[in-house]
N, C-alpha and C. Protein backbone atom coordinates (compact mmCIF):
# COMPACT_ATOMS: atom_id res chain seq x y z
N MET A 1 1.36 -7.65 15.00
CA MET A 1 2.73 -7.97 15.37
C MET A 1 2.71 -8.97 16.52
N GLY A 2 3.79 -9.64 16.70
CA GLY A 2 3.85 -10.64 17.74
C GLY A 2 5.04 -11.53 17.53
N ASN A 3 4.83 -12.83 17.54
CA ASN A 3 5.94 -13.77 17.41
C ASN A 3 6.32 -14.08 15.97
N ASP A 4 5.54 -13.64 14.99
CA ASP A 4 5.82 -14.01 13.61
C ASP A 4 6.96 -13.22 13.00
N GLY A 5 7.37 -12.11 13.59
CA GLY A 5 8.51 -11.36 13.11
C GLY A 5 8.26 -10.59 11.84
N GLY A 6 7.07 -10.08 11.65
CA GLY A 6 6.79 -9.31 10.46
C GLY A 6 5.93 -8.10 10.73
N VAL A 7 6.00 -7.14 9.81
CA VAL A 7 5.16 -5.95 9.86
C VAL A 7 4.32 -5.94 8.59
N SER A 8 3.02 -5.93 8.74
CA SER A 8 2.14 -5.90 7.58
C SER A 8 1.95 -4.46 7.11
N VAL A 9 2.01 -4.29 5.79
CA VAL A 9 1.75 -3.00 5.16
C VAL A 9 0.36 -3.10 4.55
N ILE A 10 -0.53 -2.20 4.96
CA ILE A 10 -1.94 -2.29 4.55
C ILE A 10 -2.32 -1.09 3.71
N ASP A 11 -2.98 -1.35 2.59
CA ASP A 11 -3.53 -0.29 1.75
C ASP A 11 -4.82 0.18 2.42
N ILE A 12 -4.83 1.42 2.88
CA ILE A 12 -6.00 1.89 3.65
C ILE A 12 -7.23 2.11 2.77
N ALA A 13 -7.07 2.20 1.47
CA ALA A 13 -8.23 2.33 0.59
C ALA A 13 -9.00 1.03 0.49
N THR A 14 -8.27 -0.09 0.56
CA THR A 14 -8.92 -1.40 0.41
C THR A 14 -8.90 -2.23 1.69
N ASN A 15 -8.13 -1.77 2.70
CA ASN A 15 -7.95 -2.53 3.94
C ASN A 15 -7.39 -3.92 3.69
N LYS A 16 -6.50 -4.03 2.70
CA LYS A 16 -5.87 -5.30 2.39
C LYS A 16 -4.36 -5.20 2.58
N VAL A 17 -3.77 -6.31 3.04
CA VAL A 17 -2.33 -6.39 3.20
C VAL A 17 -1.70 -6.41 1.81
N ILE A 18 -0.78 -5.46 1.56
CA ILE A 18 -0.12 -5.43 0.26
C ILE A 18 1.27 -6.05 0.29
N THR A 19 1.89 -6.07 1.47
CA THR A 19 3.17 -6.74 1.63
C THR A 19 3.45 -6.91 3.12
N THR A 20 4.43 -7.73 3.42
CA THR A 20 4.88 -7.90 4.80
C THR A 20 6.39 -7.72 4.82
N VAL A 21 6.85 -6.89 5.75
CA VAL A 21 8.28 -6.67 5.93
C VAL A 21 8.75 -7.67 6.97
N ASP A 22 9.68 -8.54 6.58
CA ASP A 22 10.22 -9.53 7.52
C ASP A 22 11.13 -8.84 8.53
N THR A 23 10.90 -9.13 9.79
CA THR A 23 11.71 -8.56 10.87
C THR A 23 12.08 -9.68 11.83
N VAL A 24 12.73 -9.32 12.91
CA VAL A 24 13.05 -10.31 13.93
C VAL A 24 11.79 -10.67 14.71
N SER A 25 11.91 -11.64 15.59
CA SER A 25 10.76 -12.01 16.41
C SER A 25 10.49 -10.96 17.47
N LYS A 26 9.26 -10.90 17.89
CA LYS A 26 8.78 -10.01 18.95
C LYS A 26 8.97 -8.52 18.68
N PRO A 27 8.58 -8.02 17.48
CA PRO A 27 8.57 -6.57 17.32
C PRO A 27 7.49 -6.01 18.24
N CYS A 28 7.77 -4.89 18.89
CA CYS A 28 6.79 -4.45 19.89
C CYS A 28 6.23 -3.05 19.68
N CYS A 29 7.02 -2.12 19.21
CA CYS A 29 6.54 -0.75 19.08
C CYS A 29 6.97 -0.20 17.74
N ILE A 30 6.16 0.72 17.22
CA ILE A 30 6.42 1.25 15.90
C ILE A 30 6.13 2.75 15.89
N ALA A 31 6.92 3.49 15.12
CA ALA A 31 6.69 4.93 14.96
C ALA A 31 7.04 5.31 13.53
N VAL A 32 6.26 6.23 12.98
CA VAL A 32 6.48 6.70 11.61
C VAL A 32 7.02 8.12 11.67
N SER A 33 8.05 8.39 10.88
CA SER A 33 8.60 9.74 10.84
C SER A 33 7.54 10.70 10.30
N PRO A 34 7.58 11.97 10.74
CA PRO A 34 6.57 12.93 10.30
C PRO A 34 6.48 13.08 8.78
N ASP A 35 7.58 12.89 8.07
CA ASP A 35 7.55 12.99 6.61
C ASP A 35 7.09 11.70 5.95
N GLY A 36 6.88 10.65 6.74
CA GLY A 36 6.39 9.37 6.23
C GLY A 36 7.41 8.54 5.49
N LYS A 37 8.68 8.93 5.51
CA LYS A 37 9.71 8.22 4.74
C LYS A 37 10.32 7.03 5.48
N LYS A 38 10.22 7.04 6.81
CA LYS A 38 10.82 5.97 7.60
C LYS A 38 9.87 5.47 8.68
N VAL A 39 9.98 4.19 8.96
CA VAL A 39 9.26 3.57 10.06
C VAL A 39 10.30 2.96 10.99
N TYR A 40 10.18 3.23 12.28
CA TYR A 40 11.10 2.70 13.28
C TYR A 40 10.37 1.62 14.05
N LEU A 41 11.01 0.45 14.16
CA LEU A 41 10.38 -0.71 14.78
C LEU A 41 11.29 -1.27 15.87
N ALA A 42 10.81 -1.26 17.11
CA ALA A 42 11.59 -1.79 18.24
C ALA A 42 11.50 -3.31 18.24
N ASN A 43 12.66 -3.95 18.35
CA ASN A 43 12.76 -5.42 18.38
C ASN A 43 13.29 -5.83 19.75
N ARG A 44 12.42 -6.35 20.58
CA ARG A 44 12.80 -6.65 21.97
C ARG A 44 13.75 -7.83 22.10
N ILE A 45 13.68 -8.80 21.23
CA ILE A 45 14.54 -9.98 21.33
C ILE A 45 15.99 -9.62 20.97
N ASP A 46 16.17 -8.88 19.87
CA ASP A 46 17.52 -8.55 19.40
C ASP A 46 18.08 -7.27 19.98
N ASP A 47 17.32 -6.59 20.84
CA ASP A 47 17.78 -5.34 21.46
C ASP A 47 18.24 -4.33 20.41
N ASP A 48 17.37 -4.11 19.41
CA ASP A 48 17.69 -3.12 18.40
C ASP A 48 16.42 -2.50 17.84
N VAL A 49 16.60 -1.55 16.94
CA VAL A 49 15.48 -0.89 16.27
C VAL A 49 15.73 -0.97 14.77
N SER A 50 14.78 -1.53 14.04
CA SER A 50 14.87 -1.60 12.58
C SER A 50 14.32 -0.31 11.99
N VAL A 51 14.99 0.18 10.96
CA VAL A 51 14.52 1.37 10.24
C VAL A 51 14.05 0.90 8.86
N ILE A 52 12.77 1.06 8.61
CA ILE A 52 12.17 0.60 7.35
C ILE A 52 11.99 1.80 6.43
N ASP A 53 12.47 1.69 5.21
CA ASP A 53 12.28 2.70 4.17
C ASP A 53 10.89 2.47 3.58
N THR A 54 10.00 3.45 3.69
CA THR A 54 8.63 3.24 3.24
C THR A 54 8.48 3.24 1.72
N SER A 55 9.49 3.73 1.00
CA SER A 55 9.39 3.71 -0.46
C SER A 55 9.67 2.31 -1.02
N THR A 56 10.42 1.51 -0.25
CA THR A 56 10.77 0.16 -0.71
C THR A 56 10.21 -0.94 0.19
N ASN A 57 9.78 -0.56 1.41
CA ASN A 57 9.34 -1.52 2.43
C ASN A 57 10.43 -2.53 2.76
N ILE A 58 11.67 -2.04 2.82
CA ILE A 58 12.82 -2.85 3.16
C ILE A 58 13.53 -2.19 4.35
N ILE A 59 14.08 -3.02 5.24
CA ILE A 59 14.85 -2.49 6.36
C ILE A 59 16.13 -1.89 5.80
N SER A 60 16.29 -0.57 5.98
CA SER A 60 17.44 0.14 5.41
C SER A 60 18.61 0.21 6.38
N SER A 61 18.32 0.13 7.67
CA SER A 61 19.40 0.14 8.67
C SER A 61 18.85 -0.38 10.00
N THR A 62 19.78 -0.61 10.93
CA THR A 62 19.42 -1.10 12.25
C THR A 62 20.18 -0.30 13.30
N ILE A 63 19.47 0.13 14.33
CA ILE A 63 20.08 0.84 15.45
C ILE A 63 20.29 -0.19 16.55
N THR A 64 21.55 -0.41 16.94
CA THR A 64 21.88 -1.46 17.91
C THR A 64 22.25 -0.86 19.27
N GLY A 65 22.41 -1.75 20.24
CA GLY A 65 22.88 -1.34 21.56
C GLY A 65 21.81 -0.78 22.47
N ILE A 66 20.56 -1.12 22.23
CA ILE A 66 19.45 -0.64 23.07
C ILE A 66 18.91 -1.85 23.84
N ASP A 67 19.06 -1.83 25.14
CA ASP A 67 18.66 -2.96 25.97
C ASP A 67 17.15 -3.01 26.13
N ASP A 68 16.52 -3.93 25.39
CA ASP A 68 15.07 -4.15 25.48
C ASP A 68 14.27 -2.89 25.13
N PRO A 69 14.37 -2.40 23.87
CA PRO A 69 13.65 -1.19 23.48
C PRO A 69 12.15 -1.35 23.66
N GLU A 70 11.52 -0.28 24.09
CA GLU A 70 10.10 -0.35 24.45
C GLU A 70 9.23 0.60 23.61
N ASP A 71 9.48 1.89 23.69
CA ASP A 71 8.67 2.88 22.98
C ASP A 71 9.55 3.77 22.13
N ILE A 72 8.94 4.38 21.10
CA ILE A 72 9.68 5.21 20.16
C ILE A 72 8.91 6.50 19.93
N ALA A 73 9.64 7.62 19.90
CA ALA A 73 9.05 8.91 19.54
C ALA A 73 10.03 9.63 18.60
N ILE A 74 9.48 10.35 17.66
CA ILE A 74 10.29 11.07 16.68
C ILE A 74 9.94 12.54 16.76
N THR A 75 10.97 13.40 16.73
CA THR A 75 10.71 14.84 16.78
C THR A 75 10.02 15.27 15.48
N PRO A 76 9.23 16.34 15.54
CA PRO A 76 8.48 16.79 14.36
C PRO A 76 9.36 17.10 13.14
N ASP A 77 10.61 17.48 13.38
CA ASP A 77 11.51 17.77 12.25
C ASP A 77 12.26 16.53 11.77
N SER A 78 11.98 15.38 12.35
CA SER A 78 12.60 14.10 12.00
C SER A 78 14.11 14.05 12.24
N LYS A 79 14.63 14.94 13.06
CA LYS A 79 16.08 14.98 13.29
C LYS A 79 16.52 14.08 14.45
N LYS A 80 15.59 13.73 15.34
CA LYS A 80 15.94 12.88 16.47
C LYS A 80 14.85 11.84 16.71
N VAL A 81 15.32 10.67 17.15
CA VAL A 81 14.42 9.59 17.55
C VAL A 81 14.74 9.26 19.01
N TYR A 82 13.71 9.19 19.81
CA TYR A 82 13.87 8.85 21.23
C TYR A 82 13.31 7.45 21.45
N ILE A 83 14.10 6.61 22.12
CA ILE A 83 13.71 5.23 22.35
C ILE A 83 13.86 4.91 23.82
N THR A 84 12.79 4.46 24.46
CA THR A 84 12.91 4.04 25.86
C THR A 84 13.39 2.60 25.91
N ALA A 85 14.16 2.31 26.95
CA ALA A 85 14.68 0.96 27.14
C ALA A 85 14.04 0.36 28.38
N PHE A 86 13.38 -0.76 28.22
CA PHE A 86 12.65 -1.40 29.31
C PHE A 86 13.59 -1.72 30.48
N ASN A 87 14.80 -2.16 30.19
CA ASN A 87 15.75 -2.51 31.23
C ASN A 87 16.61 -1.33 31.66
N GLY A 88 16.28 -0.14 31.20
CA GLY A 88 16.92 1.07 31.69
C GLY A 88 18.30 1.36 31.13
N ASN A 89 18.67 0.75 30.02
CA ASN A 89 19.99 1.00 29.46
C ASN A 89 19.88 1.91 28.26
C-alpha cells in the first residue's frame, strides 16, 4: 500500500496477486473482520474508511467523518469497529 491507491489480494497458496481493489490514495491501515467477510481500510487523504466485501473484492460501503483515520480494530463478534483518528477527531 502507499500512493497507488490499491489493495492487492494475494492467493496464499501461490503467493500471487489475484486482483487489486482500487481505493483512494494513501491507504494506511487494514483490518479483517473475525468472520473474514469484510476488510476495513483507513484512507488518510479522504478521511474515511472503505469497507471491502471479501466475496466480491469490491468496496461495499464507506464510513465518513473520521479525521485522518490511523488504526482499526474489530471486536471478536464483528459488531463494532474501533478507529483511531490521528488528528483526534
